[in-house]
Amino acid sequence: MYLVQLLLPLYDNLNARFPPEAFDCVRQELTEHFGGVTAFLRSPAQGFWRIAENAINRDEVVIFEVMTDELNRRWWDGYRADLEQRFRQIELVIRASSIERL
């Protein structure tokens, strides 16, 4: 079994906050496709990464998680590309971990 996590930004590159409907749509899509989703929306995580020697970028992100028996990389590649356009990002992080359900 796999745990797939999607890290979605709260703000676009011009610092405009995405409307709640953007996240509601993702929640609905994942629920329909996987039968359920966990969304961490109330306490955004903060991401930091170096873009130059003296420059750090910062993001506030929310996390969506789904569990799935199979990891369909082709589906995830297409869905990530779709989300990158909708959230106006060069790259979104979607990561998968192999898990054991207890």
Protein backbone atom coordinates (compact mmCIF):
# COMPACT_ATOMS: atom_id res chain seq x y z
CA MET A 1 0.00 0.00 0.00
CA TYR A 2 1.11 3.56 -0.69
CA LEU A 3 0.56 6.90 1.01
CA VAL A 4 0.56 9.68 -1.57
CA GLN A 5 0.97 13.26 -0.38
CA LEU A 6 0.31 16.39 -2.41
CA LEU A 7 1.81 19.70 -1.24
CA LEU A 8 -0.27 22.57 -2.60
CA PRO A 9 0.60 26.26 -2.16
CA LEU A 10 -1.81 28.63 -0.43
CA TYR A 11 -0.55 31.56 -2.53
CA ASP A 12 0.47 32.03 -6.14
CA ASN A 13 3.78 33.60 -7.21
CA LEU A 14 2.25 37.10 -6.96
CA ASN A 15 1.25 36.42 -3.33
CA ALA A 16 -2.48 36.16 -4.14
CA ARG A 17 -4.25 33.56 -2.01
CA PHE A 18 -5.98 30.76 -3.89
CA PRO A 19 -9.73 30.63 -3.22
CA PRO A 20 -11.10 27.81 -1.03
CA GLU A 21 -12.88 26.41 -4.08
CA ALA A 22 -9.52 25.46 -5.62
CA PHE A 23 -8.83 23.15 -2.67
CA ASP A 24 -12.43 21.92 -2.52
CA CYS A 25 -12.07 20.80 -6.13
CA VAL A 26 -8.90 18.81 -5.35
CA ARG A 27 -10.59 17.24 -2.32
CA GLN A 28 -13.56 16.19 -4.43
CA GLU A 29 -11.40 14.80 -7.26
CA LEU A 30 -9.25 12.73 -4.91
CA THR A 31 -12.28 11.46 -3.00
CA GLU A 32 -13.95 10.37 -6.22
CA HIS A 33 -10.81 8.70 -7.59
CA PHE A 34 -9.52 7.03 -4.40
CA GLY A 35 -12.63 6.77 -2.23
CA GLY A 36 -11.29 9.16 0.42
CA VAL A 37 -8.76 11.85 1.23
CA THR A 38 -7.24 13.51 4.27
CA ALA A 39 -6.69 17.25 3.91
CA PHE A 40 -4.51 19.23 6.30
CA LEU A 41 -5.87 22.73 5.69
CA ARG A 42 -6.00 24.53 9.04
CA SER A 43 -2.30 24.80 9.93
CA PRO A 44 -0.34 25.42 6.78
CA ALA A 45 3.14 23.99 6.67
CA GLN A 46 6.00 26.27 5.72
CA GLY A 47 8.48 25.27 3.04
CA PHE A 48 11.84 26.92 2.48
CA TRP A 49 14.36 26.39 -0.30
CA ARG A 50 17.48 28.14 -1.51
CA ILE A 51 17.23 29.83 -4.91
CA ALA A 52 20.59 31.62 -4.77
CA GLU A 53 23.50 31.88 -2.38
CA ASN A 54 21.81 34.60 -0.31
CA ALA A 55 18.17 34.10 -1.30
CA ILE A 56 15.60 31.80 0.23
CA ASN A 57 12.09 31.24 -1.11
CA ARG A 58 9.24 30.51 1.28
CA ASP A 59 5.86 28.90 0.73
CA GLU A 60 2.88 28.08 2.86
CA VAL A 61 1.39 24.78 1.79
CA VAL A 62 -1.51 22.53 2.63
CA ILE A 63 -1.21 18.76 2.38
CA PHE A 64 -3.62 16.26 0.87
CA GLU A 65 -3.10 12.52 1.46
CA VAL A 66 -4.58 9.43 -0.11
CA MET A 67 -3.88 5.74 0.41
CA THR A 68 -3.86 3.42 -2.57
CA ASP A 69 -2.99 -0.21 -3.23
CA GLU A 70 -1.37 0.56 -6.58
CA LEU A 71 0.78 3.48 -7.64
CA ASN A 72 -0.34 4.52 -11.13
CA ARG A 73 2.55 6.77 -12.14
CA ARG A 74 0.97 7.71 -15.47
CA TRP A 75 -2.18 8.97 -13.72
CA TRP A 76 -0.16 10.90 -11.13
CA ASP A 77 2.05 12.48 -13.83
CA GLY A 78 -1.04 13.78 -15.62
CA TYR A 79 -2.74 14.93 -12.43
CA ARG A 80 0.41 16.74 -11.25
CA ALA A 81 0.68 18.54 -14.62
CA ASP A 82 -2.97 19.58 -14.34
CA LEU A 83 -2.46 20.89 -10.78
CA GLU A 84 0.71 22.75 -11.80
CA GLN A 85 -1.36 24.68 -14.36
CA ARG A 86 -4.30 25.29 -12.01
CA PHE A 87 -2.03 26.48 -9.18
CA ARG A 88 0.32 28.31 -11.57
CA GLN A 89 3.46 26.51 -10.40
CA ILE A 90 6.58 25.40 -12.24
CA GLU A 91 6.63 22.24 -10.16
CA LEU A 92 4.44 20.77 -7.42
CA VAL A 93 5.63 18.14 -4.99
CA ILE A 94 3.70 14.89 -4.98
CA ARG A 95 5.43 12.12 -3.08
CA ALA A 96 4.61 8.49 -2.36
CA SER A 97 5.75 6.25 0.45
CA SER A 98 5.26 2.53 0.81
CA ILE A 99 3.31 1.91 4.01
CA GLU A 100 1.97 -0.98 6.04
CA ARG A 101 -1.60 -0.62 7.21
CA LEU A 102 -1.93 -1.67 10.86
